[in-house]
Amino acid sequence: LRRNYKQAHQSLRDAMKEDLTKDGL
């Protein structure tokens, strides 16, 4: 369960980072 959470959390951070940087921020 910890590993599943860590993988999901990493995917979330990656998606957020991509969203915030897509307009050159």
PDB file of all heavy atoms in Angstrom:
ATOM      1  N   LEU A   1       0.826  -1.212   0.000  1.00  0.00           N
ATOM      2  CA  LEU A   1       0.000   0.000   0.000  1.00  0.00           C
ATOM      3  C   LEU A   1       0.861   1.264   0.000  1.00  0.00           C
ATOM      4  O   LEU A   1       0.527   2.253  -0.663  1.00  0.00           O
ATOM      5  CB  LEU A   1      -0.945  -0.009   1.207  1.00  0.00           C
ATOM      6  CG  LEU A   1      -2.050  -1.072   1.163  1.00  0.00           C
ATOM      7  CD1 LEU A   1      -2.774  -1.155   2.503  1.00  0.00           C
ATOM      8  CD2 LEU A   1      -3.015  -0.792   0.024  1.00  0.00           C
ATOM      9  N   ARG A   2       1.967   1.238   0.722  1.00  0.00           N
ATOM     10  CA  ARG A   2       2.888   2.389   0.712  1.00  0.00           C
ATOM     11  C   ARG A   2       3.478   2.609  -0.672  1.00  0.00           C
ATOM     12  O   ARG A   2       3.575   3.737  -1.154  1.00  0.00           O
ATOM     13  CB  ARG A   2       4.018   2.178   1.725  1.00  0.00           C
ATOM     14  CG  ARG A   2       3.645   2.592   3.124  1.00  0.00           C
ATOM     15  CD  ARG A   2       4.810   2.587   4.069  1.00  0.00           C
ATOM     16  NE  ARG A   2       5.919   3.370   3.542  1.00  0.00           N
ATOM     17  CZ  ARG A   2       7.188   3.146   3.832  1.00  0.00           C
ATOM     18  NH1 ARG A   2       7.523   2.166   4.643  1.00  0.00           N
ATOM     19  NH2 ARG A   2       8.136   3.895   3.342  1.00  0.00           N
ATOM     20  N   ARG A   3       3.885   1.526  -1.317  1.00  0.00           N
ATOM     21  CA  ARG A   3       4.448   1.642  -2.669  1.00  0.00           C
ATOM     22  C   ARG A   3       3.398   2.176  -3.647  1.00  0.00           C
ATOM     23  O   ARG A   3       3.702   3.038  -4.478  1.00  0.00           O
ATOM     24  CB  ARG A   3       4.994   0.297  -3.149  1.00  0.00           C
ATOM     25  CG  ARG A   3       6.344  -0.048  -2.563  1.00  0.00           C
ATOM     26  CD  ARG A   3       6.944  -1.286  -3.222  1.00  0.00           C
ATOM     27  NE  ARG A   3       6.079  -2.460  -3.134  1.00  0.00           N
ATOM     28  CZ  ARG A   3       5.999  -3.269  -2.084  1.00  0.00           C
ATOM     29  NH1 ARG A   3       6.727  -3.034  -1.019  1.00  0.00           N
ATOM     30  NH2 ARG A   3       5.202  -4.328  -2.105  1.00  0.00           N
ATOM     31  N   ASN A   4       2.176   1.671  -3.557  1.00  0.00           N
ATOM     32  CA  ASN A   4       1.095   2.155  -4.428  1.00  0.00           C
ATOM     33  C   ASN A   4       0.850   3.642  -4.225  1.00  0.00           C
ATOM     34  O   ASN A   4       0.663   4.394  -5.179  1.00  0.00           O
ATOM     35  CB  ASN A   4      -0.202   1.381  -4.173  1.00  0.00           C
ATOM     36  CG  ASN A   4      -0.131  -0.051  -4.640  1.00  0.00           C
ATOM     37  OD1 ASN A   4       0.777  -0.440  -5.369  1.00  0.00           O
ATOM     38  ND2 ASN A   4      -1.081  -0.850  -4.202  1.00  0.00           N
ATOM     39  N   TYR A   5       0.859   4.061  -2.969  1.00  0.00           N
ATOM     40  CA  TYR A   5       0.666   5.476  -2.657  1.00  0.00           C
ATOM     41  C   TYR A   5       1.822   6.305  -3.233  1.00  0.00           C
ATOM     42  O   TYR A   5       1.595   7.342  -3.870  1.00  0.00           O
ATOM     43  CB  TYR A   5       0.560   5.705  -1.139  1.00  0.00           C
ATOM     44  CG  TYR A   5       0.667   7.156  -0.802  1.00  0.00           C
ATOM     45  CD1 TYR A   5      -0.432   7.999  -0.952  1.00  0.00           C
ATOM     46  CD2 TYR A   5       1.874   7.709  -0.390  1.00  0.00           C
ATOM     47  CE1 TYR A   5      -0.325   9.355  -0.685  1.00  0.00           C
ATOM     48  CE2 TYR A   5       1.980   9.050  -0.118  1.00  0.00           C
ATOM     49  CZ  TYR A   5       0.885   9.867  -0.263  1.00  0.00           C
ATOM     50  OH  TYR A   5       1.005  11.210  -0.013  1.00  0.00           O
ATOM     51  N   LYS A   6       3.054   5.863  -3.026  1.00  0.00           N
ATOM     52  CA  LYS A   6       4.212   6.617  -3.510  1.00  0.00           C
ATOM     53  C   LYS A   6       4.188   6.772  -5.023  1.00  0.00           C
ATOM     54  O   LYS A   6       4.507   7.838  -5.553  1.00  0.00           O
ATOM     55  CB  LYS A   6       5.516   5.944  -3.053  1.00  0.00           C
ATOM     56  CG  LYS A   6       5.817   6.166  -1.589  1.00  0.00           C
ATOM     57  CD  LYS A   6       7.050   5.415  -1.155  1.00  0.00           C
ATOM     58  CE  LYS A   6       8.256   6.240  -1.452  1.00  0.00           C
ATOM     59  NZ  LYS A   6       9.502   5.687  -0.887  1.00  0.00           N
ATOM     60  N   GLN A   7       3.796   5.709  -5.729  1.00  0.00           N
ATOM     61  CA  GLN A   7       3.715   5.788  -7.186  1.00  0.00           C
ATOM     62  C   GLN A   7       2.636   6.775  -7.622  1.00  0.00           C
ATOM     63  O   GLN A   7       2.853   7.591  -8.523  1.00  0.00           O
ATOM     64  CB  GLN A   7       3.429   4.409  -7.781  1.00  0.00           C
ATOM     65  CG  GLN A   7       4.593   3.454  -7.688  1.00  0.00           C
ATOM     66  CD  GLN A   7       4.205   2.038  -8.094  1.00  0.00           C
ATOM     67  OE1 GLN A   7       3.028   1.698  -8.232  1.00  0.00           O
ATOM     68  NE2 GLN A   7       5.216   1.195  -8.267  1.00  0.00           N
ATOM     69  N   ALA A   8       1.484   6.707  -6.993  1.00  0.00           N
ATOM     70  CA  ALA A   8       0.391   7.629  -7.329  1.00  0.00           C
ATOM     71  C   ALA A   8       0.788   9.067  -7.002  1.00  0.00           C
ATOM     72  O   ALA A   8       0.510   9.992  -7.781  1.00  0.00           O
ATOM     73  CB  ALA A   8      -0.883   7.238  -6.578  1.00  0.00           C
ATOM     74  N   HIS A   9       1.453   9.252  -5.871  1.00  0.00           N
ATOM     75  CA  HIS A   9       1.878  10.595  -5.454  1.00  0.00           C
ATOM     76  C   HIS A   9       2.909  11.158  -6.434  1.00  0.00           C
ATOM     77  O   HIS A   9       2.862  12.352  -6.772  1.00  0.00           O
ATOM     78  CB  HIS A   9       2.438  10.529  -4.033  1.00  0.00           C
ATOM     79  CG  HIS A   9       2.628  11.858  -3.411  1.00  0.00           C
ATOM     80  ND1 HIS A   9       3.867  12.433  -3.272  1.00  0.00           N
ATOM     81  CD2 HIS A   9       1.739  12.745  -2.900  1.00  0.00           C
ATOM     82  CE1 HIS A   9       3.736  13.605  -2.694  1.00  0.00           C
ATOM     83  NE2 HIS A   9       2.465  13.822  -2.454  1.00  0.00           N
ATOM     84  N   GLN A  10       3.825  10.331  -6.893  1.00  0.00           N
ATOM     85  CA  GLN A  10       4.821  10.789  -7.867  1.00  0.00           C
ATOM     86  C   GLN A  10       4.148  11.169  -9.178  1.00  0.00           C
ATOM     87  O   GLN A  10       4.485  12.194  -9.784  1.00  0.00           O
ATOM     88  CB  GLN A  10       5.889   9.713  -8.110  1.00  0.00           C
ATOM     89  CG  GLN A  10       6.987  10.148  -9.058  1.00  0.00           C
ATOM     90  CD  GLN A  10       7.774  11.335  -8.520  1.00  0.00           C
ATOM     91  OE1 GLN A  10       8.261  11.304  -7.398  1.00  0.00           O
ATOM     92  NE2 GLN A  10       7.908  12.383  -9.311  1.00  0.00           N
ATOM     93  N   SER A  11       3.182  10.390  -9.619  1.00  0.00           N
ATOM     94  CA  SER A  11       2.438  10.716 -10.841  1.00  0.00           C
ATOM     95  C   SER A  11       1.693  12.041 -10.688  1.00  0.00           C
ATOM     96  O   SER A  11       1.635  12.843 -11.616  1.00  0.00           O
ATOM     97  CB  SER A  11       1.439   9.616 -11.178  1.00  0.00           C
ATOM     98  OG  SER A  11       2.102   8.428 -11.488  1.00  0.00           O
ATOM     99  N   LEU A  12       1.144  12.267  -9.511  1.00  0.00           N
ATOM    100  CA  LEU A  12       0.451  13.522  -9.239  1.00  0.00           C
ATOM    101  C   LEU A  12       1.408  14.704  -9.315  1.00  0.00           C
ATOM    102  O   LEU A  12       1.118  15.709  -9.971  1.00  0.00           O
ATOM    103  CB  LEU A  12      -0.213  13.471  -7.863  1.00  0.00           C
ATOM    104  CG  LEU A  12      -0.816  14.782  -7.350  1.00  0.00           C
ATOM    105  CD1 LEU A  12      -1.937  15.249  -8.262  1.00  0.00           C
ATOM    106  CD2 LEU A  12      -1.295  14.612  -5.921  1.00  0.00           C
ATOM    107  N   ARG A  13       2.558  14.588  -8.671  1.00  0.00           N
ATOM    108  CA  ARG A  13       3.532  15.689  -8.705  1.00  0.00           C
ATOM    109  C   ARG A  13       4.012  15.959 -10.128  1.00  0.00           C
ATOM    110  O   ARG A  13       4.162  17.113 -10.529  1.00  0.00           O
ATOM    111  CB  ARG A  13       4.705  15.380  -7.778  1.00  0.00           C
ATOM    112  CG  ARG A  13       4.319  15.439  -6.310  1.00  0.00           C
ATOM    113  CD  ARG A  13       5.502  15.442  -5.352  1.00  0.00           C
ATOM    114  NE  ARG A  13       6.616  14.618  -5.727  1.00  0.00           N
ATOM    115  CZ  ARG A  13       6.839  13.379  -5.291  1.00  0.00           C
ATOM    116  NH1 ARG A  13       5.986  12.804  -4.471  1.00  0.00           N
ATOM    117  NH2 ARG A  13       7.899  12.712  -5.668  1.00  0.00           N
ATOM    118  N   ASP A  14       4.217  14.903 -10.887  1.00  0.00           N
ATOM    119  CA  ASP A  14       4.639  15.071 -12.276  1.00  0.00           C
ATOM    120  C   ASP A  14       3.564  15.791 -13.099  1.00  0.00           C
ATOM    121  O   ASP A  14       3.868  16.691 -13.888  1.00  0.00           O
ATOM    122  CB  ASP A  14       4.957  13.715 -12.920  1.00  0.00           C
ATOM    123  CG  ASP A  14       6.197  13.059 -12.347  1.00  0.00           C
ATOM    124  OD1 ASP A  14       6.994  13.742 -11.661  1.00  0.00           O
ATOM    125  OD2 ASP A  14       6.362  11.837 -12.556  1.00  0.00           O
ATOM    126  N   ALA A  15       2.306  15.385 -12.916  1.00  0.00           N
ATOM    127  CA  ALA A  15       1.202  16.016 -13.656  1.00  0.00           C
ATOM    128  C   ALA A  15       1.052  17.487 -13.266  1.00  0.00           C
ATOM    129  O   ALA A  15       0.834  18.348 -14.131  1.00  0.00           O
ATOM    130  CB  ALA A  15      -0.102  15.260 -13.401  1.00  0.00           C
ATOM    131  N   MET A  16       1.170  17.771 -11.987  1.00  0.00           N
ATOM    132  CA  MET A  16       1.066  19.160 -11.524  1.00  0.00           C
ATOM    133  C   MET A  16       2.205  20.011 -12.073  1.00  0.00           C
ATOM    134  O   MET A  16       1.984  21.130 -12.549  1.00  0.00           O
ATOM    135  CB  MET A  16       1.067  19.223  -9.996  1.00  0.00           C
ATOM    136  CG  MET A  16      -0.199  18.760  -9.363  1.00  0.00           C
ATOM    137  SD  MET A  16      -0.039  18.771  -7.557  1.00  0.00           S
ATOM    138  CE  MET A  16      -1.736  18.527  -7.076  1.00  0.00           C
ATOM    139  N   LYS A  17       3.398  19.464 -12.023  1.00  0.00           N
ATOM    140  CA  LYS A  17       4.562  20.203 -12.523  1.00  0.00           C
ATOM    141  C   LYS A  17       4.416  20.482 -14.015  1.00  0.00           C
ATOM    142  O   LYS A  17       4.681  21.590 -14.475  1.00  0.00           O
ATOM    143  CB  LYS A  17       5.838  19.410 -12.247  1.00  0.00           C
ATOM    144  CG  LYS A  17       7.095  20.161 -12.573  1.00  0.00           C
ATOM    145  CD  LYS A  17       8.309  19.372 -12.134  1.00  0.00           C
ATOM    146  CE  LYS A  17       9.560  20.162 -12.352  1.00  0.00           C
ATOM    147  NZ  LYS A  17      10.752  19.449 -11.886  1.00  0.00           N
ATOM    148  N   GLU A  18       3.969  19.491 -14.770  1.00  0.00           N
ATOM    149  CA  GLU A  18       3.763  19.678 -16.209  1.00  0.00           C
ATOM    150  C   GLU A  18       2.716  20.760 -16.468  1.00  0.00           C
ATOM    151  O   GLU A  18       2.886  21.611 -17.338  1.00  0.00           O
ATOM    152  CB  GLU A  18       3.334  18.371 -16.848  1.00  0.00           C
ATOM    153  CG  GLU A  18       3.092  18.480 -18.334  1.00  0.00           C
ATOM    154  CD  GLU A  18       2.574  17.180 -18.922  1.00  0.00           C
ATOM    155  OE1 GLU A  18       3.050  16.114 -18.528  1.00  0.00           O
ATOM    156  OE2 GLU A  18       1.673  17.256 -19.783  1.00  0.00           O
ATOM    157  N   ASP A  19       1.629  20.724 -15.706  1.00  0.00           N
ATOM    158  CA  ASP A  19       0.570  21.713 -15.884  1.00  0.00           C
ATOM    159  C   ASP A  19       1.072  23.119 -15.575  1.00  0.00           C
ATOM    160  O   ASP A  19       0.754  24.068 -16.298  1.00  0.00           O
ATOM    161  CB  ASP A  19      -0.630  21.374 -15.007  1.00  0.00           C
ATOM    162  CG  ASP A  19      -1.769  22.351 -15.189  1.00  0.00           C
ATOM    163  OD1 ASP A  19      -2.054  22.728 -16.342  1.00  0.00           O
ATOM    164  OD2 ASP A  19      -2.378  22.747 -14.176  1.00  0.00           O
ATOM    165  N   LEU A  20       1.854  23.260 -14.528  1.00  0.00           N
ATOM    166  CA  LEU A  20       2.322  24.591 -14.131  1.00  0.00           C
ATOM    167  C   LEU A  20       3.434  25.125 -15.023  1.00  0.00           C
ATOM    168  O   LEU A  20       3.646  26.335 -15.090  1.00  0.00           O
ATOM    169  CB  LEU A  20       2.792  24.577 -12.676  1.00  0.00           C
ATOM    170  CG  LEU A  20       1.684  24.390 -11.640  1.00  0.00           C
ATOM    171  CD1 LEU A  20       2.292  24.235 -10.246  1.00  0.00           C
ATOM    172  CD2 LEU A  20       0.692  25.538 -11.687  1.00  0.00           C
ATOM    173  N   THR A  21       4.134  24.247 -15.726  1.00  0.00           N
ATOM    174  CA  THR A  21       5.230  24.708 -16.578  1.00  0.00           C
ATOM    175  C   THR A  21       4.878  24.756 -18.052  1.00  0.00           C
ATOM    176  O   THR A  21       5.680  25.203 -18.856  1.00  0.00           O
ATOM    177  CB  THR A  21       6.482  23.817 -16.401  1.00  0.00           C
ATOM    178  OG1 THR A  21       6.149  22.474 -16.707  1.00  0.00           O
ATOM    179  CG2 THR A  21       7.018  23.914 -14.985  1.00  0.00           C
ATOM    180  N   LYS A  22       3.680  24.315 -18.421  1.00  0.00           N
ATOM    181  CA  LYS A  22       3.345  24.244 -19.844  1.00  0.00           C
ATOM    182  C   LYS A  22       3.252  25.619 -20.510  1.00  0.00           C
ATOM    183  O   LYS A  22       3.446  25.746 -21.696  1.00  0.00           O
ATOM    184  CB  LYS A  22       2.058  23.466 -20.061  1.00  0.00           C
ATOM    185  CG  LYS A  22       0.807  24.175 -19.654  1.00  0.00           C
ATOM    186  CD  LYS A  22      -0.406  23.339 -19.912  1.00  0.00           C
ATOM    187  CE  LYS A  22      -1.618  24.058 -19.384  1.00  0.00           C
ATOM    188  NZ  LYS A  22      -2.779  23.251 -19.417  1.00  0.00           N
ATOM    189  N   ASP A  23       2.971  26.670 -19.743  1.00  0.00           N
ATOM    190  CA  ASP A  23       2.888  28.013 -20.292  1.00  0.00           C
ATOM    191  C   ASP A  23       4.174  28.800 -20.071  1.00  0.00           C
ATOM    192  O   ASP A  23       4.176  30.023 -20.096  1.00  0.00           O
ATOM    193  CB  ASP A  23       1.717  28.766 -19.677  1.00  0.00           C
ATOM    194  CG  ASP A  23       0.385  28.240 -20.163  1.00  0.00           C
ATOM    195  OD1 ASP A  23       0.336  27.751 -21.308  1.00  0.00           O
ATOM    196  OD2 ASP A  23      -0.599  28.302 -19.405  1.00  0.00           O
ATOM    197  N   GLY A  24       5.263  28.070 -19.819  1.00  0.00           N
ATOM    198  CA  GLY A  24       6.554  28.737 -19.677  1.00  0.00           C
ATOM    199  C   GLY A  24       6.795  29.337 -18.318  1.00  0.00           C
ATOM    200  O   GLY A  24       7.628  30.214 -18.176  1.00  0.00           O
ATOM    201  N   LEU A  25       6.101  28.864 -17.303  1.00  0.00           N
ATOM    202  CA  LEU A  25       6.317  29.387 -15.953  1.00  0.00           C
ATOM    203  C   LEU A  25       7.431  28.675 -15.270  1.00  0.00           C
ATOM    204  O   LEU A  25       7.742  27.584 -15.486  1.00  0.00           O
ATOM    205  CB  LEU A  25       5.033  29.276 -15.138  1.00  0.00           C
ATOM    206  CG  LEU A  25       3.875  30.099 -15.656  1.00  0.00           C
ATOM    207  CD1 LEU A  25       2.632  29.821 -14.823  1.00  0.00           C
ATOM    208  CD2 LEU A  25       4.198  31.562 -15.598  1.00  0.00           C
TER     209      LEU A  25
END
